[in-house]
Protein backbone atom coordinates (compact mmCIF):
# COMPACT_ATOMS: atom_id res chain seq x y z
CA MET A 1 202.13 104.71 129.70
CA ILE A 2 201.89 108.57 130.58
CA CYS A 3 203.21 109.18 127.58
CA CYS A 4 200.79 107.23 125.73
CA ARG A 5 197.89 108.34 127.93
CA LEU A 6 198.71 112.17 127.16
CA VAL A 7 198.59 111.14 123.21
CA LEU A 8 195.31 109.13 123.36
CA ALA A 9 193.52 111.55 125.83
CA GLY A 10 194.11 114.20 122.98
CA ALA A 11 193.06 111.80 119.89
CA LEU A 12 190.41 112.82 117.87
CA ALA A 13 189.02 109.39 117.62
CA LEU A 14 185.45 110.67 117.86
CA GLY A 15 186.13 114.27 117.69
CA VAL A 16 185.99 114.42 121.52
CA VAL A 17 188.92 117.49 121.22
CA ALA A 18 187.75 120.15 119.27
CA THR A 19 189.79 121.04 115.87
CA ALA A 20 191.11 124.59 116.36
CA ARG A 21 189.53 127.03 114.30
CA ALA A 22 191.01 129.80 112.29
CA GLN A 23 190.45 133.45 113.22
CA SER A 24 187.81 134.71 110.79
CA GLU A 25 187.69 138.21 109.60
CA THR A 26 184.02 138.53 109.27
CA GLY A 27 182.83 137.09 112.63
CA ALA A 28 180.27 134.85 111.27
CA ALA A 29 178.24 132.59 113.33
CA LYS A 30 178.86 128.81 113.27
CA ASN A 31 177.22 126.55 110.88
CA ASP A 32 175.12 123.90 112.44
CA TYR A 33 176.15 120.46 110.86
CA SER A 34 173.82 118.57 112.75
CA ASP A 35 171.01 120.30 110.40
CA GLY A 36 170.64 117.83 107.11
CA LYS A 37 170.31 120.96 105.13
CA THR A 38 174.32 121.68 105.65
CA TRP A 39 175.09 118.79 103.89
CA LEU A 40 175.05 117.79 100.28
CA CYS A 41 175.61 114.40 101.01
CA ARG A 42 174.97 112.07 103.38
CA PRO A 43 174.58 107.82 103.39
CA GLY A 44 171.00 106.88 102.73
CA ARG A 45 169.31 110.10 101.41
CA GLN A 46 167.94 111.24 98.48
CA ASP A 47 170.51 114.18 97.81
CA ALA A 48 173.32 115.29 95.81
CA CYS A 49 174.95 112.04 95.56
CA ALA A 50 171.75 109.96 94.63
CA VAL A 51 171.72 111.08 90.98
CA ASP A 52 172.04 108.82 87.42
CA LEU A 53 175.74 108.22 86.77
CA THR A 54 174.86 106.16 83.63
CA THR A 55 177.58 106.24 81.21
CA THR A 56 178.01 105.78 77.58
CA ILE A 57 181.13 103.71 76.54
CA VAL A 58 182.49 105.19 73.63
CA ALA A 59 184.62 102.81 71.74
CA ALA A 60 187.27 103.58 69.02
CA ASP A 61 185.25 101.82 66.67
CA GLY A 62 182.34 103.86 67.04
CA ARG A 63 180.13 101.52 69.34
CA LEU A 64 177.96 102.78 71.91
CA THR A 65 177.17 100.78 74.94
CA ARG A 66 175.88 101.99 78.51
CA GLU A 67 177.45 101.08 81.77
CA ALA A 68 175.23 101.06 84.64
CA TRP A 69 176.34 102.40 87.97
CA LYS A 70 175.04 101.52 91.80
CA ALA A 71 176.29 102.36 95.02
CA ASP A 72 177.68 99.68 97.41
CA PRO A 73 175.20 99.36 100.19
CA ARG A 74 177.72 98.36 102.88
CA PRO A 75 181.12 100.10 101.83
CA PRO A 76 184.01 99.55 104.19
CA ILE A 77 185.17 103.02 104.65
CA ASP A 78 184.10 106.51 104.30
CA CYS A 79 184.70 109.37 102.07
CA PHE A 80 184.80 113.21 103.31
CA TYR A 81 184.83 115.45 100.04
CA VAL A 82 185.42 119.38 99.65
CA TYR A 83 184.35 120.87 96.46
CA PRO A 84 186.51 123.16 94.56
CA THR A 85 185.83 127.03 93.51
CA VAL A 86 182.19 126.91 91.96
CA SER A 87 180.08 128.93 93.70
CA LEU A 88 178.38 132.10 91.82
CA ASP A 89 177.19 133.72 94.86
CA PRO A 90 177.68 137.64 94.56
CA GLU A 91 179.62 138.14 97.53
CA GLY A 92 183.16 137.00 98.55
CA ASN A 93 181.98 133.91 100.53
CA SER A 94 179.29 131.95 99.32
CA ASP A 95 176.16 131.52 101.42
CA MET A 96 174.85 128.04 102.69
CA THR A 97 171.76 127.44 100.02
CA PRO A 98 173.27 125.01 97.38
CA GLY A 99 172.88 126.27 93.82
CA PRO A 100 172.95 123.96 90.64
CA GLU A 101 176.86 124.71 90.61
CA GLU A 102 177.22 122.96 94.07
CA THR A 103 174.92 120.19 93.26
CA GLY A 104 176.51 119.83 89.53
CA VAL A 105 180.30 119.80 91.00
CA VAL A 106 179.49 116.51 93.27
CA ARG A 107 177.88 114.56 90.49
CA ALA A 108 180.52 115.45 88.51
CA GLN A 109 183.37 114.69 90.97
CA PHE A 110 182.25 112.93 94.01
CA ALA A 111 179.10 110.87 93.80
CA ARG A 112 180.57 108.03 91.82
CA PHE A 113 182.86 107.33 94.88
CA ALA A 114 179.85 106.03 96.71
CA SER A 115 180.67 102.85 94.78
CA ALA A 116 183.67 102.50 97.13
CA CYS A 117 182.87 104.42 100.32
CA ARG A 118 179.81 105.99 102.28
CA PRO A 119 179.61 109.66 101.02
CA TYR A 120 180.19 112.78 102.99
CA ALA A 121 179.85 116.08 101.52
CA PRO A 122 179.46 118.91 103.76
CA LEU A 123 178.35 122.55 102.24
CA TYR A 124 180.79 125.41 102.95
CA ARG A 125 181.12 129.19 102.82
CA GLN A 126 183.77 129.24 100.15
CA VAL A 127 185.22 131.78 98.48
CA THR A 128 183.42 132.27 95.53
CA LEU A 129 184.19 132.00 91.65
CA THR A 130 182.37 135.55 91.34
CA ALA A 131 185.60 136.73 93.68
CA LEU A 132 188.21 134.51 91.78
CA ARG A 133 186.92 136.28 88.87
CA ALA A 134 186.87 139.45 90.23
CA GLY A 135 190.28 139.42 91.27
CA ILE A 136 191.72 138.21 88.37
CA GLY A 137 190.04 141.17 86.51
CA GLY A 138 191.90 143.44 88.83
CA THR A 139 188.78 144.41 91.36
CA ALA A 140 189.42 142.91 94.37
CA MET A 141 186.55 141.59 96.47
CA ARG A 142 186.35 141.14 100.44
CA VAL A 143 186.69 137.51 100.98
CA ASP A 144 187.07 135.50 104.26
CA ARG A 145 189.28 132.35 103.54
CA ALA A 146 189.20 131.45 107.37
CA LEU A 147 185.52 131.18 106.74
CA ALA A 148 185.90 128.57 104.60
CA TYR A 149 188.21 126.69 106.42
CA ASN A 150 186.33 126.94 109.64
CA ASP A 151 183.24 125.55 107.92
CA ILE A 152 184.89 122.47 107.28
CA VAL A 153 186.57 122.19 110.46
CA ASP A 154 183.02 122.21 111.96
CA ALA A 155 181.59 119.52 109.49
CA TRP A 156 184.60 117.34 110.05
CA ASN A 157 184.13 117.51 114.06
CA TYR A 158 180.27 117.03 113.63
CA TYR A 159 181.14 113.72 111.20
CA LEU A 160 183.51 112.45 113.66
CA GLN A 161 181.48 112.68 116.53
CA HIS A 162 178.07 111.53 115.22
CA ASP A 163 179.38 109.51 112.18
CA ASN A 164 182.34 107.77 111.83
CA ASN A 165 182.42 105.28 114.88
CA GLY A 166 185.93 104.27 114.12
CA ARG A 167 185.79 103.65 110.30
CA GLY A 168 188.76 104.67 107.91
CA VAL A 169 188.05 107.77 105.73
CA VAL A 170 189.35 108.94 102.30
CA LEU A 171 189.73 112.85 102.35
CA ILE A 172 189.09 113.90 98.91
CA GLY A 173 189.30 117.51 97.59
CA HIS A 174 189.90 119.87 94.44
CA SER A 175 191.28 123.30 93.97
CA GLN A 176 189.89 125.38 96.93
CA GLY A 177 188.92 121.94 98.64
CA SER A 178 192.28 120.61 98.04
CA ALA A 179 193.67 123.88 99.78
CA VAL A 180 191.33 123.39 102.75
CA LEU A 181 192.02 119.84 103.32
CA MET A 182 195.52 120.57 103.32
CA SER A 183 195.46 122.74 106.07
CA LEU A 184 193.34 120.55 107.90
CA ILE A 185 195.35 117.40 107.44
CA ARG A 186 198.68 119.47 108.37
CA ASN A 187 196.78 120.88 111.66
CA GLU A 188 194.84 117.89 112.61
CA VAL A 189 195.96 114.50 111.06
CA ASP A 190 199.68 114.88 109.72
CA GLY A 191 201.59 112.87 112.68
CA LYS A 192 198.67 112.60 115.22
CA PRO A 193 196.69 109.67 116.30
CA LEU A 194 193.98 110.38 113.81
CA GLN A 195 196.32 109.63 111.05
CA SER A 196 195.69 106.00 111.90
CA ARG A 197 192.51 106.45 110.54
CA LEU A 198 193.30 108.02 107.32
CA VAL A 199 192.91 105.68 104.57
CA SER A 200 194.06 107.93 101.86
CA ALA A 201 193.76 111.70 100.78
CA LEU A 202 193.26 112.41 97.33
CA LEU A 203 194.34 115.91 96.74
CA LEU A 204 193.86 117.15 93.06
CA GLY A 205 194.20 120.01 90.97
CA THR A 206 196.72 121.74 93.82
CA ASN A 207 200.20 122.28 94.45
CA LEU A 208 201.38 119.81 97.28
CA ALA A 209 205.26 120.31 98.30
CA VAL A 210 207.64 117.20 98.50
CA PRO A 211 211.17 117.15 98.32
CA ASN A 212 212.78 116.43 95.31
CA SER A 213 213.44 112.48 95.03
CA ARG A 214 211.76 111.84 98.02
CA ASP A 215 207.86 110.90 98.86
CA VAL A 216 207.56 112.35 102.36
CA GLY A 217 208.23 115.83 103.81
CA GLY A 218 207.37 119.16 102.60
CA ALA A 219 203.64 120.04 103.17
CA PHE A 220 203.48 117.09 105.23
CA LYS A 221 205.99 115.48 107.72
CA HIS A 222 204.42 111.97 107.99
CA ILE A 223 202.24 111.40 105.07
CA ALA A 224 203.83 109.84 102.13
CA LEU A 225 202.57 109.44 98.62
CA CYS A 226 201.01 106.74 97.46
CA ARG A 227 203.18 104.39 95.17
CA SER A 228 200.87 101.29 94.99
CA ALA A 229 196.80 100.91 94.76
CA GLY A 230 196.76 98.96 97.74
CA GLN A 231 198.98 101.11 99.96
CA THR A 232 196.95 103.27 102.83
CA GLY A 233 197.61 105.98 104.98
CA CYS A 234 198.89 107.77 101.72
CA VAL A 235 198.29 111.04 99.38
CA ILE A 236 197.64 111.26 95.91
CA ALA A 237 198.04 114.91 94.21
CA TYR A 238 198.42 116.24 90.93
CA ALA A 239 197.81 118.71 88.66
CA SER A 240 196.95 118.14 84.81
CA PHE A 241 198.17 119.65 81.35
CA ARG A 242 198.08 118.39 78.11
CA SER A 243 201.11 116.85 76.43
CA THR A 244 200.58 119.60 73.62
CA ILE A 245 200.41 122.49 75.87
CA PRO A 246 202.81 122.07 78.92
CA PRO A 247 202.81 124.74 81.89
CA PRO A 248 204.03 127.98 80.58
CA ALA A 249 206.40 130.18 82.88
CA ASN A 250 203.33 131.79 84.70
CA SER A 251 201.48 128.59 85.59
CA ARG A 252 199.17 128.27 88.40
CA PHE A 253 200.15 124.74 88.83
CA GLY A 254 203.30 122.21 88.85
CA ARG A 255 205.55 124.30 90.73
CA VAL A 256 206.23 125.29 94.59
CA GLU A 257 208.01 127.46 96.34
CA GLY A 258 211.07 126.14 98.34
CA GLU A 259 214.70 125.15 97.22
CA GLY A 260 214.74 121.17 96.49
CA MET A 261 211.09 120.98 96.84
CA ARG A 262 208.65 120.36 93.84
CA ALA A 263 204.90 119.84 93.18
CA ALA A 264 203.70 116.19 93.93
CA CYS A 265 202.29 114.32 91.29
CA VAL A 266 200.85 110.54 91.54
CA ASN A 267 199.77 109.10 88.66
CA PRO A 268 196.30 107.60 89.42
CA ALA A 269 196.73 105.12 86.31
CA ALA A 270 200.08 104.11 87.73
CA PRO A 271 201.09 105.24 90.96
CA ALA A 272 204.49 103.51 91.02
CA GLY A 273 205.48 105.42 87.70
CA GLY A 274 205.24 105.50 84.11
CA ASN A 275 202.83 105.62 81.87
CA GLY A 276 199.06 104.22 81.98
CA GLY A 277 195.74 104.57 80.41
CA LEU A 278 193.27 106.93 82.08
CA HIS A 279 189.63 105.74 82.91
CA ALA A 280 188.01 109.09 82.68
CA TYR A 281 184.31 109.78 82.99
CA LEU A 282 183.41 113.14 80.91
CA SER A 283 180.60 115.06 80.59
CA ALA A 284 178.59 113.80 77.46
CA SER A 285 177.55 117.46 76.96
CA GLY A 286 181.31 119.44 77.21
CA ARG A 287 179.58 121.19 80.41
CA SER A 288 182.23 122.10 82.97
CA ILE A 289 182.60 122.16 86.84
CA VAL A 290 182.08 126.08 86.60
CA GLY A 291 179.04 125.71 84.62
CA ALA A 292 180.10 126.96 80.83
CA ALA A 293 179.53 124.50 77.84
CA ALA A 294 182.30 123.83 75.40
CA GLU A 295 181.65 124.11 71.63
CA PRO A 296 179.62 120.99 71.41
CA ARG A 297 181.45 118.24 69.64
CA PRO A 298 180.11 114.83 68.63
CA TRP A 299 181.66 111.92 70.09
CA VAL A 300 181.41 109.87 67.09
CA THR A 301 181.13 110.57 63.49
CA PRO A 302 178.56 110.26 62.15
CA PRO A 303 176.93 111.63 65.05
CA GLN A 304 174.83 109.80 67.11
CA PRO A 305 172.51 110.74 70.27
CA ILE A 306 174.25 109.97 73.60
CA GLY A 307 171.62 109.78 76.27
CA THR A 308 173.57 109.40 79.29
CA PRO A 309 175.08 112.31 81.54
CA PHE A 310 178.44 110.66 81.08
CA VAL A 311 180.73 109.16 78.60
CA SER A 312 183.87 106.93 78.55
CA VAL A 313 186.40 106.62 76.29
CA PRO A 314 189.09 103.65 76.35
CA GLY A 315 191.90 103.98 74.84
CA LEU A 316 191.97 107.39 74.24
CA LEU A 317 193.60 108.95 76.85
CA THR A 318 197.07 108.26 78.82
CA ALA A 319 198.99 110.04 81.44
CA GLN A 320 202.47 110.24 83.25
CA CYS A 321 204.17 112.28 86.02
CA VAL A 322 206.91 114.44 84.33
CA ALA A 323 209.21 116.70 86.00
CA ASN A 324 211.41 119.01 84.08
CA GLU A 325 212.22 123.05 83.88
CA LYS A 326 208.46 123.64 83.02
CA GLY A 327 207.16 121.91 86.34
CA SER A 328 206.03 118.73 87.87
CA TYR A 329 202.97 117.77 86.70
CA LEU A 330 200.48 115.12 85.28
CA GLU A 331 200.89 114.99 81.67
CA VAL A 332 197.90 114.05 79.53
CA THR A 333 197.96 112.84 75.96
CA VAL A 334 194.92 112.27 73.52
CA HIS A 335 195.50 109.42 71.21
CA GLY A 336 193.02 110.42 68.53
CA ASN A 337 193.02 108.55 65.02
CA PRO A 338 191.65 110.10 62.34
CA ALA A 339 191.06 107.09 60.50
CA ASP A 340 188.37 105.95 63.17
CA PRO A 341 185.21 107.36 63.78
CA ARG A 342 185.41 108.14 67.39
CA THR A 343 186.33 111.95 68.59
CA ASP A 344 189.99 112.85 68.28
CA ASP A 345 190.22 115.28 71.14
CA ILE A 346 188.12 116.08 74.50
CA ALA A 347 187.09 119.29 75.84
CA GLY A 348 188.47 120.69 79.16
CA ASP A 349 190.85 123.68 78.76
CA VAL A 350 190.04 127.04 80.40
CA ILE A 351 189.14 129.39 77.62
CA THR A 352 189.52 132.97 78.01
CA ASN A 353 188.80 135.73 75.08
CA GLY A 354 188.37 132.78 72.65
CA GLU A 355 191.78 131.11 73.47
CA VAL A 356 193.25 128.44 75.60
CA ASN A 357 194.22 129.86 78.77
CA ALA A 358 197.47 127.45 79.34
CA THR A 359 198.28 128.74 83.10
CA TRP A 360 195.28 126.77 84.16
CA GLY A 361 196.04 123.28 82.22
CA LEU A 362 193.18 121.11 82.24
CA HIS A 363 191.91 121.99 85.75
CA LEU A 364 188.25 121.99 85.10
CA ILE A 365 188.64 118.16 84.30
CA ASP A 366 191.65 117.28 86.97
CA VAL A 367 188.84 114.84 88.92
CA ASN A 368 186.91 113.26 85.52
CA LEU A 369 190.23 112.38 83.51
CA ALA A 370 191.41 109.59 86.33
CA LEU A 371 188.13 109.20 88.12
CA GLY A 372 187.77 105.83 87.33
CA ASN A 373 191.36 105.18 88.46
CA LEU A 374 190.80 106.74 91.65
CA ILE A 375 187.76 104.69 92.59
CA ASP A 376 189.62 101.88 91.79
CA ILE A 377 192.45 102.60 93.84
CA VAL A 378 190.12 103.84 96.98
CA ARG A 379 188.24 100.42 96.55
CA GLU A 380 191.63 98.75 96.79
CA GLN A 381 192.69 100.72 99.77
CA GLY A 382 189.16 100.07 101.71
CA LYS A 383 190.03 96.36 101.26
CA ALA A 384 193.58 96.80 102.40
CA TYR A 385 192.69 99.08 105.41
CA ARG A 386 189.84 96.67 106.49
CA SER A 387 191.92 93.65 106.41
CA GLY A 388 194.59 95.39 108.41
CA GLY A 389 197.08 94.24 105.79
CA PRO A 390 200.34 95.50 105.02
CA GLY A 391 200.94 99.15 102.83
CA ARG A 392 200.51 101.65 106.00
CA SER A 393 202.73 104.60 105.08
CA ASP A 394 202.68 105.93 108.81
CA THR A 395 206.03 107.18 109.80
CA GLY A 396 207.65 108.66 112.81
CA GLU A 397 205.70 109.19 115.82
CA SER A 398 202.55 108.23 114.59
CA GLY A 399 203.58 104.92 113.25
CA ARG A 400 204.03 103.79 116.97
CA TRP A 401 200.81 105.14 117.95
CA GLY A 402 198.61 102.76 115.21
CA GLY A 403 198.15 99.64 117.58
CA GLN A 404 196.86 102.00 120.44
CA VAL A 405 194.87 104.04 118.53
CA ARG A 406 193.09 100.91 116.83
CA ILE A 407 192.65 99.60 120.44
CA TYR A 408 191.16 103.15 121.47
CA SER A 409 188.79 103.21 118.58
CA ARG A 410 187.27 99.57 119.44
CA ALA A 411 186.83 100.65 122.77
CA VAL A 412 185.07 104.10 121.96
CA GLN A 413 182.93 101.97 119.87
CA CYS A 414 182.24 99.12 122.38
CA LEU A 415 181.69 101.97 125.15
CA SER A 416 179.25 103.98 122.70
CA SER A 417 176.94 100.89 122.01
CA ILE A 418 176.86 99.56 125.88
CA ARG A 419 176.50 103.03 127.67
CA ARG A 420 173.21 103.78 126.52
CA GLN A 421 171.80 100.41 128.03
CA ARG A 422 173.84 99.68 131.00
CA GLY A 423 175.25 103.05 132.12
CA PRO A 424 178.91 104.18 131.87
CA TYR A 425 180.36 102.37 134.56
CA ARG A 426 179.13 98.91 133.60
CA ALA A 427 179.90 99.88 130.09
CA GLU A 428 183.25 100.35 130.94
CA ALA A 429 183.63 97.08 132.93
CA SER A 430 182.00 95.02 129.83
CA CYS A 431 184.61 96.68 127.55
CA LEU A 432 187.33 95.90 129.70
CA PHE A 433 186.30 92.31 129.82
CA GLU A 434 185.73 92.10 125.79
CA ARG A 435 188.79 94.02 124.71
CA VAL A 436 191.55 94.07 127.57
CA ARG A 437 194.92 91.95 127.13
CA ASP A 438 197.11 93.75 129.57
CA LEU A 439 197.28 96.77 131.82
CA GLU A 440 198.09 99.07 129.01
CA ASP A 441 195.30 98.13 126.96
CA ALA A 442 192.96 98.92 130.09
CA GLU A 443 194.50 102.22 130.51
CA ILE A 444 193.48 102.72 126.94
CA VAL A 445 189.79 101.62 127.60
CA ALA A 446 190.03 103.99 130.64
CA VAL A 447 191.16 106.96 128.22
CA ALA A 448 188.17 106.34 126.05
CA ALA A 449 185.54 106.18 128.91
CA ASP A 450 186.88 109.46 129.97
CA ASP A 451 186.42 111.18 126.49
CA LEU A 452 183.31 109.97 126.25
CA ASP A 453 182.20 111.24 130.02
CA PRO A 454 183.60 114.80 130.72
CA ASP A 455 182.22 114.83 134.00
CA ARG A 456 184.33 111.36 134.70
CA GLN A 457 187.23 113.19 133.35
CA SER A 458 187.56 116.00 135.58
CA VAL A 459 187.06 113.81 138.73
CA ARG A 460 189.92 111.77 137.45
CA ARG A 461 192.14 114.83 136.77
CA GLU A 462 191.12 116.11 140.36
CA ALA A 463 191.99 112.96 142.01
CA GLY A 464 195.35 112.98 140.04
CA ARG A 465 196.45 116.03 142.00
CA HIS A 466 196.20 114.74 145.06
């Protein structure tokens, strides 16, 4: 039990143990994530996630129908989202005042997940699009990448301490957001007790290293790729390219360093493999997540007005994961038919000097291409996680901690709810009575009580020395 106690005492079940922060280059002050203004989305607010997500479904025969949307008032799990590089602030790192680019990307990529999970989206001082464009142009700007990571660490800790309450959580990121979450998972989740709380991670528009012919290893040692909609504790990652424009030799995505490694690709339309139909939610106006508007194109001919912010095009898009000499990536095929009135193509390419920049692929719409599929997967994962059914991807040491961490999580919830009314020691007695099946369970409840009461914990440590 000593081994178990050491593991559980260090658990992040409610963020009691602080997550390690990176060394910032600027020494900037920490954000106060108890301030609601530091969050783009939190449950139950009128904020960036409380927006119109009505969609026009454009059928192949040209018929237009409307699809309404509403949030789930009681979802079983949470979602924690880190947005991609969108800030147009003039410095290398953004400030903490949201602009239309931050609220816009939440609307495009994340708000719709509230139909399957409680939405949490912190603001953070990301490396700006201004700095990215300057670097591509050969003019380097000073940036502090550790600052972006530390902000997310602090937001994550606040969420764990004040909001999580033992619930399962999906981590969602795109581009820079995925990179930040990869570091967070590697440092604080992978192979640690908190892994039992991970419903899944959606790390989109990034290069996640996995060994050839294996689903686990590489970037994460204990978290495997998802291979079914009901599988939990796993990761979905991909970078998308058109079937007609595969990754070039200098591609930014689809390749990783290291012998015997490949970039992970899980197809949200067919996680087990093969081809599948994409349930896309695309901008009706052609506006991208970085604000640039594509050349307007009618969704049907003759043109009809689209009165919703999004469109869906069933049957137009399919995808499959491919691995070849060009890389490992999600290959997207557009099945345009000149004989029908619906558009034969979609916007989403990065345009440089009037030409498609193939090195980026369909990076701007990585998320939107499969958004409906991803939400369906998260909804199924939430059901599976809540029911405790099969499908966990825990491997190695962390798999053996699962039952103990679940007891710990339930104990923390019980203690937190009772101790305010009865005091810490009566709370522990009540929760021991309710939760304990054997002496090992009693020790786990004691660890939870220690973690919630630092003074009590120090007394017990001092007593243990004598």
